Amino acid sequence: TMSIVNLDDVKMPVDSIVVEMKNNSDNEATFGEYYNLEKYDNGKWVDLPYNDKIRKLLEEDGVEMVFNDVGYPVRPHSVRRYSNRTKAYNETLVPGHYRLSKKFSYPPYPTLKSDTAYVEFEIR
């Protein structure tokens, strides 16, 4: 399961979203730095665009958005916190209903065995 730790701090301006991941299984799970942000708009979830500076770098300058390819473990029956920095979205985050998703992988590694956890939250 995944929950927002700094829920009272998720108001404008948003610097980071801290999530707590609880592994209730008997197996270790791993996650990386990558996350996805979506906003609930007109009855559906829509990927949140990057801010203008990042979008310009991606579209006009041929730069690519990258995340470090690391695996952070969440041990069986334990909890781990992780801070997701929101700087790339800082101009597009406005008050509303959002969800953050993270992908988790399970042994044996490397594997295609994975799952995605979602957590919804409001920005005031």
PDB file of N, CA and C in Angstrom:
ATOM      1  N   THR A   1       0.840  -1.180   0.000  1.00  0.00           N
ATOM      2  CA  THR A   1       0.000   0.000   0.000  1.00  0.00           C
ATOM      3  C   THR A   1       0.879   1.235   0.000  1.00  0.00           C
ATOM      4  N   MET A   2       0.313   2.335  -0.437  1.00  0.00           N
ATOM      5  CA  MET A   2       1.079   3.583  -0.489  1.00  0.00           C
ATOM      6  C   MET A   2       0.185   4.713   0.007  1.00  0.00           C
ATOM      7  N   SER A   3       0.747   5.594   0.822  1.00  0.00           N
ATOM      8  CA  SER A   3      -0.001   6.734   1.337  1.00  0.00           C
ATOM      9  C   SER A   3       0.897   7.975   1.337  1.00  0.00           C
ATOM     10  N   ILE A   4       0.256   9.137   1.364  1.00  0.00           N
ATOM     11  CA  ILE A   4       0.976  10.410   1.420  1.00  0.00           C
ATOM     12  C   ILE A   4       1.317  10.695   2.877  1.00  0.00           C
ATOM     13  N   VAL A   5       2.579  10.990   3.158  1.00  0.00           N
ATOM     14  CA  VAL A   5       3.017  11.267   4.521  1.00  0.00           C
ATOM     15  C   VAL A   5       2.796  12.736   4.869  1.00  0.00           C
ATOM     16  N   ASN A   6       3.141  13.619   3.929  1.00  0.00           N
ATOM     17  CA  ASN A   6       3.086  15.055   4.192  1.00  0.00           C
ATOM     18  C   ASN A   6       1.781  15.659   3.693  1.00  0.00           C
ATOM     19  N   LEU A   7       0.649  14.989   3.934  1.00  0.00           N
ATOM     20  CA  LEU A   7      -0.635  15.406   3.403  1.00  0.00           C
ATOM     21  C   LEU A   7      -0.987  16.845   3.771  1.00  0.00           C
ATOM     22  N   ASP A   8      -0.696  17.265   4.984  1.00  0.00           N
ATOM     23  CA  ASP A   8      -1.000  18.635   5.388  1.00  0.00           C
ATOM     24  C   ASP A   8      -0.136  19.662   4.667  1.00  0.00           C
ATOM     25  N   ASP A   9       1.007  19.225   4.107  1.00  0.00           N
ATOM     26  CA  ASP A   9       1.914  20.130   3.408  1.00  0.00           C
ATOM     27  C   ASP A   9       1.669  20.170   1.906  1.00  0.00           C
ATOM     28  N   VAL A  10       0.722  19.375   1.402  1.00  0.00           N
ATOM     29  CA  VAL A  10       0.475  19.331  -0.039  1.00  0.00           C
ATOM     30  C   VAL A  10      -0.463  20.478  -0.403  1.00  0.00           C
ATOM     31  N   LYS A  11       0.102  21.671  -0.374  1.00  0.00           N
ATOM     32  CA  LYS A  11      -0.605  22.874  -0.780  1.00  0.00           C
ATOM     33  C   LYS A  11       0.387  23.746  -1.521  1.00  0.00           C
ATOM     34  N   MET A  12      -0.110  24.721  -2.216  1.00  0.00           N
ATOM     35  CA  MET A  12       0.727  25.544  -3.070  1.00  0.00           C
ATOM     36  C   MET A  12       1.720  26.350  -2.242  1.00  0.00           C
ATOM     37  N   PRO A  13       2.982  26.480  -2.658  1.00  0.00           N
ATOM     38  CA  PRO A  13       3.616  25.733  -3.745  1.00  0.00           C
ATOM     39  C   PRO A  13       4.060  24.357  -3.249  1.00  0.00           C
ATOM     40  N   VAL A  14       4.000  23.356  -4.114  1.00  0.00           N
ATOM     41  CA  VAL A  14       4.342  21.974  -3.760  1.00  0.00           C
ATOM     42  C   VAL A  14       5.794  21.722  -4.140  1.00  0.00           C
ATOM     43  N   ASP A  15       6.617  21.388  -3.155  1.00  0.00           N
ATOM     44  CA  ASP A  15       8.037  21.115  -3.382  1.00  0.00           C
ATOM     45  C   ASP A  15       8.298  19.630  -3.570  1.00  0.00           C
ATOM     46  N   SER A  16       7.586  18.810  -2.810  1.00  0.00           N
ATOM     47  CA  SER A  16       7.762  17.366  -2.904  1.00  0.00           C
ATOM     48  C   SER A  16       6.531  16.679  -2.328  1.00  0.00           C
ATOM     49  N   ILE A  17       6.379  15.426  -2.727  1.00  0.00           N
ATOM     50  CA  ILE A  17       5.302  14.596  -2.208  1.00  0.00           C
ATOM     51  C   ILE A  17       5.966  13.377  -1.582  1.00  0.00           C
ATOM     52  N   VAL A  18       5.851  13.278  -0.268  1.00  0.00           N
ATOM     53  CA  VAL A  18       6.470  12.171   0.460  1.00  0.00           C
ATOM     54  C   VAL A  18       5.449  11.053   0.587  1.00  0.00           C
ATOM     55  N   VAL A  19       5.850   9.862   0.121  1.00  0.00           N
ATOM     56  CA  VAL A  19       4.961   8.711   0.217  1.00  0.00           C
ATOM     57  C   VAL A  19       5.550   7.676   1.157  1.00  0.00           C
ATOM     58  N   GLU A  20       4.660   6.954   1.797  1.00  0.00           N
ATOM     59  CA  GLU A  20       5.054   5.841   2.642  1.00  0.00           C
ATOM     60  C   GLU A  20       4.538   4.567   1.986  1.00  0.00           C
ATOM     61  N   MET A  21       5.451   3.643   1.739  1.00  0.00           N
ATOM     62  CA  MET A  21       5.111   2.385   1.097  1.00  0.00           C
ATOM     63  C   MET A  21       5.168   1.278   2.133  1.00  0.00           C
ATOM     64  N   LYS A  22       4.086   0.547   2.256  1.00  0.00           N
ATOM     65  CA  LYS A  22       4.004  -0.534   3.232  1.00  0.00           C
ATOM     66  C   LYS A  22       3.921  -1.855   2.477  1.00  0.00           C
ATOM     67  N   ASN A  23       4.899  -2.717   2.720  1.00  0.00           N
ATOM     68  CA  ASN A  23       4.945  -4.020   2.082  1.00  0.00           C
ATOM     69  C   ASN A  23       4.346  -5.051   3.037  1.00  0.00           C
ATOM     70  N   ASN A  24       3.147  -5.499   2.732  1.00  0.00           N
ATOM     71  CA  ASN A  24       2.452  -6.477   3.574  1.00  0.00           C
ATOM     72  C   ASN A  24       2.720  -7.916   3.152  1.00  0.00           C
ATOM     73  N   SER A  25       3.587  -8.097   2.164  1.00  0.00           N
ATOM     74  CA  SER A  25       3.821  -9.448   1.644  1.00  0.00           C
ATOM     75  C   SER A  25       5.021 -10.114   2.313  1.00  0.00           C
ATOM     76  N   ASP A  26       5.252 -11.362   1.943  1.00  0.00           N
ATOM     77  CA  ASP A  26       6.407 -12.111   2.447  1.00  0.00           C
ATOM     78  C   ASP A  26       7.628 -11.944   1.546  1.00  0.00           C
ATOM     79  N   ASN A  27       7.491 -11.168   0.468  1.00  0.00           N
ATOM     80  CA  ASN A  27       8.586 -10.951  -0.484  1.00  0.00           C
ATOM     81  C   ASN A  27       9.044  -9.503  -0.480  1.00  0.00           C
ATOM     82  N   GLU A  28      10.327  -9.320  -0.756  1.00  0.00           N
ATOM     83  CA  GLU A  28      10.858  -7.961  -0.912  1.00  0.00           C
ATOM     84  C   GLU A  28      10.293  -7.358  -2.196  1.00  0.00           C
ATOM     85  N   ALA A  29      10.039  -6.060  -2.181  1.00  0.00           N
ATOM     86  CA  ALA A  29       9.636  -5.311  -3.366  1.00  0.00           C
ATOM     87  C   ALA A  29      10.661  -4.212  -3.585  1.00  0.00           C
ATOM     88  N   THR A  30      10.876  -3.826  -4.823  1.00  0.00           N
ATOM     89  CA  THR A  30      11.776  -2.709  -5.109  1.00  0.00           C
ATOM     90  C   THR A  30      11.041  -1.673  -5.940  1.00  0.00           C
ATOM     91  N   PHE A  31      11.472  -0.418  -5.782  1.00  0.00           N
ATOM     92  CA  PHE A  31      10.923   0.681  -6.569  1.00  0.00           C
ATOM     93  C   PHE A  31      12.074   1.585  -6.969  1.00  0.00           C
ATOM     94  N   GLY A  32      11.839   2.421  -7.949  1.00  0.00           N
ATOM     95  CA  GLY A  32      12.862   3.351  -8.414  1.00  0.00           C
ATOM     96  C   GLY A  32      12.455   4.789  -8.178  1.00  0.00           C
ATOM     97  N   GLU A  33      13.218   5.696  -8.755  1.00  0.00           N
ATOM     98  CA  GLU A  33      12.940   7.119  -8.595  1.00  0.00           C
ATOM     99  C   GLU A  33      11.766   7.586  -9.450  1.00  0.00           C
ATOM    100  N   TYR A  34      11.481   6.875 -10.552  1.00  0.00           N
ATOM    101  CA  TYR A  34      10.423   7.302 -11.457  1.00  0.00           C
ATOM    102  C   TYR A  34       9.065   7.255 -10.772  1.00  0.00           C
ATOM    103  N   TYR A  35       8.250   8.253 -11.063  1.00  0.00           N
ATOM    104  CA  TYR A  35       6.861   8.281 -10.630  1.00  0.00           C
ATOM    105  C   TYR A  35       6.066   9.009 -11.700  1.00  0.00           C
ATOM    106  N   ASN A  36       4.772   8.855 -11.676  1.00  0.00           N
ATOM    107  CA  ASN A  36       3.909   9.549 -12.621  1.00  0.00           C
ATOM    108  C   ASN A  36       2.879  10.351 -11.841  1.00  0.00           C
ATOM    109  N   LEU A  37       2.581  11.548 -12.328  1.00  0.00           N
ATOM    110  CA  LEU A  37       1.546  12.383 -11.718  1.00  0.00           C
ATOM    111  C   LEU A  37       0.419  12.581 -12.721  1.00  0.00           C
ATOM    112  N   GLU A  38      -0.815  12.427 -12.233  1.00  0.00           N
ATOM    113  CA  GLU A  38      -1.993  12.644 -13.057  1.00  0.00           C
ATOM    114  C   GLU A  38      -2.962  13.551 -12.311  1.00  0.00           C
ATOM    115  N   LYS A  39      -3.771  14.276 -13.077  1.00  0.00           N
ATOM    116  CA  LYS A  39      -4.804  15.129 -12.494  1.00  0.00           C
ATOM    117  C   LYS A  39      -6.154  14.630 -12.973  1.00  0.00           C
ATOM    118  N   TYR A  40      -7.126  14.616 -12.059  1.00  0.00           N
ATOM    119  CA  TYR A  40      -8.481  14.206 -12.410  1.00  0.00           C
ATOM    120  C   TYR A  40      -9.170  15.391 -13.055  1.00  0.00           C
ATOM    121  N   ASP A  41      -9.551  15.225 -14.327  1.00  0.00           N
ATOM    122  CA  ASP A  41     -10.122  16.333 -15.095  1.00  0.00           C
ATOM    123  C   ASP A  41     -11.251  15.819 -15.976  1.00  0.00           C
ATOM    124  N   ASN A  42     -12.429  16.388 -15.809  1.00  0.00           N
ATOM    125  CA  ASN A  42     -13.601  16.016 -16.606  1.00  0.00           C
ATOM    126  C   ASN A  42     -13.872  14.511 -16.580  1.00  0.00           C
ATOM    127  N   GLY A  43     -13.787  13.897 -15.402  1.00  0.00           N
ATOM    128  CA  GLY A  43     -14.143  12.499 -15.236  1.00  0.00           C
ATOM    129  C   GLY A  43     -13.092  11.492 -15.633  1.00  0.00           C
ATOM    130  N   LYS A  44     -11.845  11.938 -15.920  1.00  0.00           N
ATOM    131  CA  LYS A  44     -10.791  10.982 -16.279  1.00  0.00           C
ATOM    132  C   LYS A  44      -9.439  11.469 -15.773  1.00  0.00           C
ATOM    133  N   TRP A  45      -8.495  10.517 -15.631  1.00  0.00           N
ATOM    134  CA  TRP A  45      -7.140  10.834 -15.194  1.00  0.00           C
ATOM    135  C   TRP A  45      -6.312  11.243 -16.407  1.00  0.00           C
ATOM    136  N   VAL A  46      -5.649  12.395 -16.298  1.00  0.00           N
ATOM    137  CA  VAL A  46      -4.845  12.940 -17.395  1.00  0.00           C
ATOM    138  C   VAL A  46      -3.416  13.150 -16.893  1.00  0.00           C
ATOM    139  N   ASP A  47      -2.422  12.667 -17.673  1.00  0.00           N
ATOM    140  CA  ASP A  47      -1.022  12.888 -17.295  1.00  0.00           C
ATOM    141  C   ASP A  47      -0.759  14.374 -17.134  1.00  0.00           C
ATOM    142  N   LEU A  48      -0.068  14.723 -16.080  1.00  0.00           N
ATOM    143  CA  LEU A  48       0.260  16.118 -15.812  1.00  0.00           C
ATOM    144  C   LEU A  48       1.441  16.524 -16.685  1.00  0.00           C
ATOM    145  N   PRO A  49       1.323  17.632 -17.419  1.00  0.00           N
ATOM    146  CA  PRO A  49       2.450  18.065 -18.250  1.00  0.00           C
ATOM    147  C   PRO A  49       3.560  18.666 -17.396  1.00  0.00           C
ATOM    148  N   TYR A  50       4.772  18.592 -17.922  1.00  0.00           N
ATOM    149  CA  TYR A  50       5.893  19.243 -17.254  1.00  0.00           C
ATOM    150  C   TYR A  50       5.754  20.755 -17.371  1.00  0.00           C
ATOM    151  N   ASN A  51       6.489  21.495 -16.551  1.00  0.00           N
ATOM    152  CA  ASN A  51       6.434  22.941 -16.620  1.00  0.00           C
ATOM    153  C   ASN A  51       7.039  23.437 -17.942  1.00  0.00           C
ATOM    154  N   ASP A  52       6.842  24.725 -18.247  1.00  0.00           N
ATOM    155  CA  ASP A  52       7.263  25.287 -19.536  1.00  0.00           C
ATOM    156  C   ASP A  52       8.758  25.132 -19.792  1.00  0.00           C
ATOM    157  N   LYS A  53       9.576  25.333 -18.767  1.00  0.00           N
ATOM    158  CA  LYS A  53      11.027  25.225 -18.933  1.00  0.00           C
ATOM    159  C   LYS A  53      11.424  23.804 -19.343  1.00  0.00           C
ATOM    160  N   ILE A  54      10.894  22.808 -18.650  1.00  0.00           N
ATOM    161  CA  ILE A  54      11.201  21.413 -18.968  1.00  0.00           C
ATOM    162  C   ILE A  54      10.634  21.042 -20.334  1.00  0.00           C
ATOM    163  N   ARG A  55       9.393  21.463 -20.618  1.00  0.00           N
ATOM    164  CA  ARG A  55       8.767  21.157 -21.907  1.00  0.00           C
ATOM    165  C   ARG A  55       9.582  21.724 -23.065  1.00  0.00           C
ATOM    166  N   LYS A  56      10.121  22.948 -22.910  1.00  0.00           N
ATOM    167  CA  LYS A  56      10.946  23.563 -23.951  1.00  0.00           C
ATOM    168  C   LYS A  56      12.220  22.740 -24.170  1.00  0.00           C
ATOM    169  N   LEU A  57      12.860  22.336 -23.084  1.00  0.00           N
ATOM    170  CA  LEU A  57      14.066  21.517 -23.212  1.00  0.00           C
ATOM    171  C   LEU A  57      13.780  20.203 -23.931  1.00  0.00           C
ATOM    172  N   LEU A  58      12.643  19.594 -23.621  1.00  0.00           N
ATOM    173  CA  LEU A  58      12.286  18.316 -24.234  1.00  0.00           C
ATOM    174  C   LEU A  58      11.926  18.467 -25.710  1.00  0.00           C
ATOM    175  N   GLU A  59      11.105  19.461 -26.013  1.00  0.00           N
ATOM    176  CA  GLU A  59      10.575  19.611 -27.365  1.00  0.00           C
ATOM    177  C   GLU A  59      11.515  20.333 -28.321  1.00  0.00           C
ATOM    178  N   GLU A  60      12.183  21.372 -27.851  1.00  0.00           N
ATOM    179  CA  GLU A  60      12.975  22.202 -28.755  1.00  0.00           C
ATOM    180  C   GLU A  60      14.467  21.900 -28.713  1.00  0.00           C
ATOM    181  N   ASP A  61      14.960  21.487 -27.584  1.00  0.00           N
ATOM    182  CA  ASP A  61      16.407  21.298 -27.442  1.00  0.00           C
ATOM    183  C   ASP A  61      16.832  19.832 -27.507  1.00  0.00           C
ATOM    184  N   GLY A  62      15.887  18.925 -27.671  1.00  0.00           N
ATOM    185  CA  GLY A  62      16.224  17.512 -27.802  1.00  0.00           C
ATOM    186  C   GLY A  62      16.697  16.848 -26.522  1.00  0.00           C
ATOM    187  N   VAL A  63      16.442  17.476 -25.389  1.00  0.00           N
ATOM    188  CA  VAL A  63      16.824  16.920 -24.086  1.00  0.00           C
ATOM    189  C   VAL A  63      15.795  15.869 -23.696  1.00  0.00           C
ATOM    190  N   GLU A  64      16.208  14.854 -22.966  1.00  0.00           N
ATOM    191  CA  GLU A  64      15.282  13.830 -22.484  1.00  0.00           C
ATOM    192  C   GLU A  64      15.190  13.867 -20.962  1.00  0.00           C
ATOM    193  N   MET A  65      13.990  13.593 -20.454  1.00  0.00           N
ATOM    194  CA  MET A  65      13.787  13.494 -19.013  1.00  0.00           C
ATOM    195  C   MET A  65      14.279  12.118 -18.585  1.00  0.00           C
ATOM    196  N   VAL A  66      15.140  12.072 -17.584  1.00  0.00           N
ATOM    197  CA  VAL A  66      15.670  10.801 -17.113  1.00  0.00           C
ATOM    198  C   VAL A  66      15.532  10.703 -15.598  1.00  0.00           C
ATOM    199  N   PHE A  67      15.496   9.475 -15.133  1.00  0.00           N
ATOM    200  CA  PHE A  67      15.499   9.179 -13.711  1.00  0.00           C
ATOM    201  C   PHE A  67      16.618   8.185 -13.482  1.00  0.00           C
ATOM    202  N   ASN A  68      17.275   8.257 -12.339  1.00  0.00           N
ATOM    203  CA  ASN A  68      18.295   7.267 -12.009  1.00  0.00           C
ATOM    204  C   ASN A  68      17.650   5.890 -11.951  1.00  0.00           C
ATOM    205  N   ASP A  69      18.306   4.911 -12.548  1.00  0.00           N
ATOM    206  CA  ASP A  69      17.785   3.553 -12.578  1.00  0.00           C
ATOM    207  C   ASP A  69      18.341   2.783 -11.381  1.00  0.00           C
ATOM    208  N   VAL A  70      17.684   2.961 -10.256  1.00  0.00           N
ATOM    209  CA  VAL A  70      18.104   2.304  -9.020  1.00  0.00           C
ATOM    210  C   VAL A  70      16.936   1.486  -8.490  1.00  0.00           C
ATOM    211  N   GLY A  71      17.228   0.575  -7.608  1.00  0.00           N
ATOM    212  CA  GLY A  71      16.184  -0.213  -6.964  1.00  0.00           C
ATOM    213  C   GLY A  71      16.268  -0.047  -5.464  1.00  0.00           C
ATOM    214  N   TYR A  72      15.292   0.646  -4.895  1.00  0.00           N
ATOM    215  CA  TYR A  72      15.222   0.804  -3.448  1.00  0.00           C
ATOM    216  C   TYR A  72      14.364  -0.327  -2.888  1.00  0.00           C
ATOM    217  N   PRO A  73      14.869  -1.083  -1.917  1.00  0.00           N
ATOM    218  CA  PRO A  73      14.082  -2.201  -1.390  1.00  0.00           C
ATOM    219  C   PRO A  73      13.057  -1.769  -0.343  1.00  0.00           C
ATOM    220  N   VAL A  74      11.954  -2.484  -0.344  1.00  0.00           N
ATOM    221  CA  VAL A  74      10.982  -2.408   0.743  1.00  0.00           C
ATOM    222  C   VAL A  74      10.885  -3.842   1.264  1.00  0.00           C
ATOM    223  N   ARG A  75      11.489  -4.073   2.393  1.00  0.00           N
ATOM    224  CA  ARG A  75      11.581  -5.418   2.965  1.00  0.00           C
ATOM    225  C   ARG A  75      10.186  -5.971   3.291  1.00  0.00           C
ATOM    226  N   PRO A  76      10.061  -7.281   3.363  1.00  0.00           N
ATOM    227  CA  PRO A  76       8.771  -7.872   3.723  1.00  0.00           C
ATOM    228  C   PRO A  76       8.259  -7.341   5.063  1.00  0.00           C
ATOM    229  N   HIS A  77       6.982  -7.046   5.118  1.00  0.00           N
ATOM    230  CA  HIS A  77       6.302  -6.589   6.337  1.00  0.00           C
ATOM    231  C   HIS A  77       7.000  -5.380   6.961  1.00  0.00           C
ATOM    232  N   SER A  78       7.397  -4.438   6.095  1.00  0.00           N
ATOM    233  CA  SER A  78       8.044  -3.227   6.594  1.00  0.00           C
ATOM    234  C   SER A  78       7.518  -2.005   5.843  1.00  0.00           C
ATOM    235  N   VAL A  79       7.993  -0.847   6.264  1.00  0.00           N
ATOM    236  CA  VAL A  79       7.556   0.429   5.701  1.00  0.00           C
ATOM    237  C   VAL A  79       8.783   1.208   5.259  1.00  0.00           C
ATOM    238  N   ARG A  80       8.650   1.936   4.161  1.00  0.00           N
ATOM    239  CA  ARG A  80       9.737   2.795   3.680  1.00  0.00           C
ATOM    240  C   ARG A  80       9.124   4.082   3.142  1.00  0.00           C
ATOM    241  N   ARG A  81       9.807   5.198   3.403  1.00  0.00           N
ATOM    242  CA  ARG A  81       9.363   6.503   2.899  1.00  0.00           C
ATOM    243  C   ARG A  81      10.260   6.962   1.762  1.00  0.00           C
ATOM    244  N   TYR A  82       9.658   7.723   0.849  1.00  0.00           N
ATOM    245  CA  TYR A  82      10.429   8.262  -0.273  1.00  0.00           C
ATOM    246  C   TYR A  82       9.849   9.621  -0.660  1.00  0.00           C
ATOM    247  N   SER A  83      10.737  10.593  -0.903  1.00  0.00           N
ATOM    248  CA  SER A  83      10.328  11.940  -1.288  1.00  0.00           C
ATOM    249  C   SER A  83      10.411  12.086  -2.803  1.00  0.00           C
ATOM    250  N   ASN A  84       9.279  12.359  -3.424  1.00  0.00           N
ATOM    251  CA  ASN A  84       9.194  12.566  -4.868  1.00  0.00           C
ATOM    252  C   ASN A  84       9.217  14.070  -5.133  1.00  0.00           C
ATOM    253  N   ARG A  85      10.307  14.560  -5.682  1.00  0.00           N
ATOM    254  CA  ARG A  85      10.466  15.988  -5.952  1.00  0.00           C
ATOM    255  C   ARG A  85       9.564  16.393  -7.120  1.00  0.00           C
ATOM    256  N   THR A  86       8.918  17.539  -7.020  1.00  0.00           N
ATOM    257  CA  THR A  86       7.937  17.948  -8.025  1.00  0.00           C
ATOM    258  C   THR A  86       8.387  19.146  -8.863  1.00  0.00           C
ATOM    259  N   LYS A  87       9.671  19.453  -8.840  1.00  0.00           N
ATOM    260  CA  LYS A  87      10.177  20.643  -9.537  1.00  0.00           C
ATOM    261  C   LYS A  87       9.812  20.659 -11.028  1.00  0.00           C
ATOM    262  N   ALA A  88       9.827  19.520 -11.692  1.00  0.00           N
ATOM    263  CA  ALA A  88       9.522  19.470 -13.129  1.00  0.00           C
ATOM    264  C   ALA A  88       8.063  19.827 -13.419  1.00  0.00           C
ATOM    265  N   TYR A  89       7.218  19.785 -12.406  1.00  0.00           N
ATOM    266  CA  TYR A  89       5.794  20.089 -12.575  1.00  0.00           C
ATOM    267  C   TYR A  89       5.389  21.409 -11.911  1.00  0.00           C
ATOM    268  N   ASN A  90       6.335  22.156 -11.334  1.00  0.00           N
ATOM    269  CA  ASN A  90       5.981  23.236 -10.415  1.00  0.00           C
ATOM    270  C   ASN A  90       5.067  24.309 -10.984  1.00  0.00           C
ATOM    271  N   GLU A  91       5.024  24.514 -12.298  1.00  0.00           N
ATOM    272  CA  GLU A  91       4.116  25.521 -12.861  1.00  0.00           C
ATOM    273  C   GLU A  91       2.759  24.927 -13.232  1.00  0.00           C
ATOM    274  N   THR A  92       2.669  23.616 -13.334  1.00  0.00           N
ATOM    275  CA  THR A  92       1.426  22.990 -13.755  1.00  0.00           C
ATOM    276  C   THR A  92       0.615  22.437 -12.590  1.00  0.00           C
ATOM    277  N   LEU A  93       1.186  22.437 -11.392  1.00  0.00           N
ATOM    278  CA  LEU A  93       0.448  22.004 -10.209  1.00  0.00           C
ATOM    279  C   LEU A  93      -0.428  23.150  -9.719  1.00  0.00           C
ATOM    280  N   VAL A  94      -1.715  22.945  -9.789  1.00  0.00           N
ATOM    281  CA  VAL A  94      -2.692  23.930  -9.313  1.00  0.00           C
ATOM    282  C   VAL A  94      -3.636  23.183  -8.373  1.00  0.00           C
ATOM    283  N   PRO A  95      -4.406  23.897  -7.566  1.00  0.00           N
ATOM    284  CA  PRO A  95      -5.343  23.177  -6.694  1.00  0.00           C
ATOM    285  C   PRO A  95      -6.219  22.207  -7.496  1.00  0.00           C
ATOM    286  N   GLY A  96      -6.412  21.005  -6.937  1.00  0.00           N
ATOM    287  CA  GLY A  96      -7.228  20.000  -7.605  1.00  0.00           C
ATOM    288  C   GLY A  96      -6.983  18.613  -7.051  1.00  0.00           C
ATOM    289  N   HIS A  97      -7.554  17.606  -7.724  1.00  0.00           N
ATOM    290  CA  HIS A  97      -7.470  16.200  -7.313  1.00  0.00           C
ATOM    291  C   HIS A  97      -6.428  15.502  -8.179  1.00  0.00           C
ATOM    292  N   TYR A  98      -5.448  14.860  -7.540  1.00  0.00           N
ATOM    293  CA  TYR A  98      -4.313  14.247  -8.236  1.00  0.00           C
ATOM    294  C   TYR A  98      -4.124  12.809  -7.786  1.00  0.00           C
ATOM    295  N   ARG A  99      -3.283  12.100  -8.557  1.00  0.00           N
ATOM    296  CA  ARG A  99      -2.810  10.802  -8.091  1.00  0.00           C
ATOM    297  C   ARG A  99      -1.372  10.614  -8.559  1.00  0.00           C
ATOM    298  N   LEU A 100      -0.612   9.985  -7.682  1.00  0.00           N
ATOM    299  CA  LEU A 100       0.783   9.648  -7.936  1.00  0.00           C
ATOM    300  C   LEU A 100       0.859   8.132  -8.048  1.00  0.00           C
ATOM    301  N   SER A 101       1.643   7.653  -9.019  1.00  0.00           N
ATOM    302  CA  SER A 101       1.811   6.210  -9.161  1.00  0.00           C
ATOM    303  C   SER A 101       3.286   5.848  -9.182  1.00  0.00           C
ATOM    304  N   LYS A 102       3.578   4.684  -8.641  1.00  0.00           N
ATOM    305  CA  LYS A 102       4.931   4.128  -8.633  1.00  0.00           C
ATOM    306  C   LYS A 102       4.840   2.651  -8.983  1.00  0.00           C
ATOM    307  N   LYS A 103       5.824   2.192  -9.746  1.00  0.00           N
ATOM    308  CA  LYS A 103       5.894   0.788 -10.132  1.00  0.00           C
ATOM    309  C   LYS A 103       6.803   0.039  -9.155  1.00  0.00           C
ATOM    310  N   PHE A 104       6.378  -1.163  -8.762  1.00  0.00           N
ATOM    311  CA  PHE A 104       7.143  -2.025  -7.872  1.00  0.00           C
ATOM    312  C   PHE A 104       7.464  -3.324  -8.587  1.00  0.00           C
ATOM    313  N   SER A 105       8.673  -3.836  -8.373  1.00  0.00           N
ATOM    314  CA  SER A 105       9.093  -5.116  -8.948  1.00  0.00           C
ATOM    315  C   SER A 105       9.363  -6.107  -7.826  1.00  0.00           C
ATOM    316  N   TYR A 106       9.260  -7.388  -8.180  1.00  0.00           N
ATOM    317  CA  TYR A 106       9.411  -8.443  -7.184  1.00  0.00           C
ATOM    318  C   TYR A 106      10.389  -9.503  -7.681  1.00  0.00           C
ATOM    319  N   PRO A 107      11.066 -10.220  -6.762  1.00  0.00           N
ATOM    320  CA  PRO A 107      12.016 -11.252  -7.173  1.00  0.00           C
ATOM    321  C   PRO A 107      11.301 -12.428  -7.837  1.00  0.00           C
ATOM    322  N   PRO A 108      12.041 -13.204  -8.603  1.00  0.00           N
ATOM    323  CA  PRO A 108      13.489 -13.111  -8.860  1.00  0.00           C
ATOM    324  C   PRO A 108      13.784 -12.003  -9.870  1.00  0.00           C
ATOM    325  N   TYR A 109      14.899 -11.300  -9.678  1.00  0.00           N
ATOM    326  CA  TYR A 109      15.289 -10.202 -10.563  1.00  0.00           C
ATOM    327  C   TYR A 109      16.262 -10.707 -11.611  1.00  0.00           C
ATOM    328  N   PRO A 110      16.371 -10.188 -12.800  1.00  0.00           N
ATOM    329  CA  PRO A 110      15.389  -9.260 -13.378  1.00  0.00           C
ATOM    330  C   PRO A 110      14.119 -10.025 -13.719  1.00  0.00           C
ATOM    331  N   THR A 111      13.030  -9.336 -13.684  1.00  0.00           N
ATOM    332  CA  THR A 111      11.745 -10.000 -13.887  1.00  0.00           C
ATOM    333  C   THR A 111      10.742  -9.049 -14.509  1.00  0.00           C
ATOM    334  N   LEU A 112       9.740  -9.601 -15.079  1.00  0.00           N
ATOM    335  CA  LEU A 112       8.631  -8.796 -15.584  1.00  0.00           C
ATOM    336  C   LEU A 112       7.510  -8.743 -14.564  1.00  0.00           C
ATOM    337  N   LYS A 113       7.732  -9.395 -13.412  1.00  0.00           N
ATOM    338  CA  LYS A 113       6.725  -9.422 -12.363  1.00  0.00           C
ATOM    339  C   LYS A 113       6.727  -8.079 -11.643  1.00  0.00           C
ATOM    340  N   SER A 114       5.653  -7.316 -11.822  1.00  0.00           N
ATOM    341  CA  SER A 114       5.596  -5.992 -11.216  1.00  0.00           C
ATOM    342  C   SER A 114       4.146  -5.615 -10.921  1.00  0.00           C
ATOM    343  N   ASP A 115       4.005  -4.531 -10.219  1.00  0.00           N
ATOM    344  CA  ASP A 115       2.697  -4.001  -9.864  1.00  0.00           C
ATOM    345  C   ASP A 115       2.835  -2.487  -9.749  1.00  0.00           C
ATOM    346  N   THR A 116       1.739  -1.786  -9.888  1.00  0.00           N
ATOM    347  CA  THR A 116       1.749  -0.330  -9.751  1.00  0.00           C
ATOM    348  C   THR A 116       0.833   0.059  -8.607  1.00  0.00           C
ATOM    349  N   ALA A 117       1.340   0.930  -7.735  1.00  0.00           N
ATOM    350  CA  ALA A 117       0.545   1.437  -6.620  1.00  0.00           C
ATOM    351  C   ALA A 117       0.164   2.884  -6.917  1.00  0.00           C
ATOM    352  N   TYR A 118      -1.044   3.258  -6.542  1.00  0.00           N
ATOM    353  CA  TYR A 118      -1.562   4.606  -6.747  1.00  0.00           C
ATOM    354  C   TYR A 118      -1.971   5.205  -5.415  1.00  0.00           C
ATOM    355  N   VAL A 119      -1.780   6.504  -5.291  1.00  0.00           N
ATOM    356  CA  VAL A 119      -2.297   7.215  -4.120  1.00  0.00           C
ATOM    357  C   VAL A 119      -2.893   8.531  -4.615  1.00  0.00           C
ATOM    358  N   GLU A 120      -4.129   8.790  -4.189  1.00  0.00           N
ATOM    359  CA  GLU A 120      -4.819  10.015  -4.585  1.00  0.00           C
ATOM    360  C   GLU A 120      -4.704  11.053  -3.486  1.00  0.00           C
ATOM    361  N   PHE A 121      -4.694  12.326  -3.906  1.00  0.00           N
ATOM    362  CA  PHE A 121      -4.582  13.413  -2.939  1.00  0.00           C
ATOM    363  C   PHE A 121      -5.124  14.693  -3.541  1.00  0.00           C
ATOM    364  N   GLU A 122      -5.379  15.656  -2.663  1.00  0.00           N
ATOM    365  CA  GLU A 122      -5.864  16.986  -3.073  1.00  0.00           C
ATOM    366  C   GLU A 122      -4.768  18.005  -2.831  1.00  0.00           C
ATOM    367  N   ILE A 123      -4.634  18.948  -3.745  1.00  0.00           N
ATOM    368  CA  ILE A 123      -3.776  20.112  -3.528  1.00  0.00           C
ATOM    369  C   ILE A 123      -4.688  21.293  -3.314  1.00  0.00           C
ATOM    370  N   ARG A 124      -4.452  21.976  -2.195  1.00  0.00           N
ATOM    371  CA  ARG A 124      -5.291  23.144  -1.851  1.00  0.00           C
ATOM    372  C   ARG A 124      -4.564  24.428  -2.152  1.00  0.00           C
TER     373      ARG A 124
END
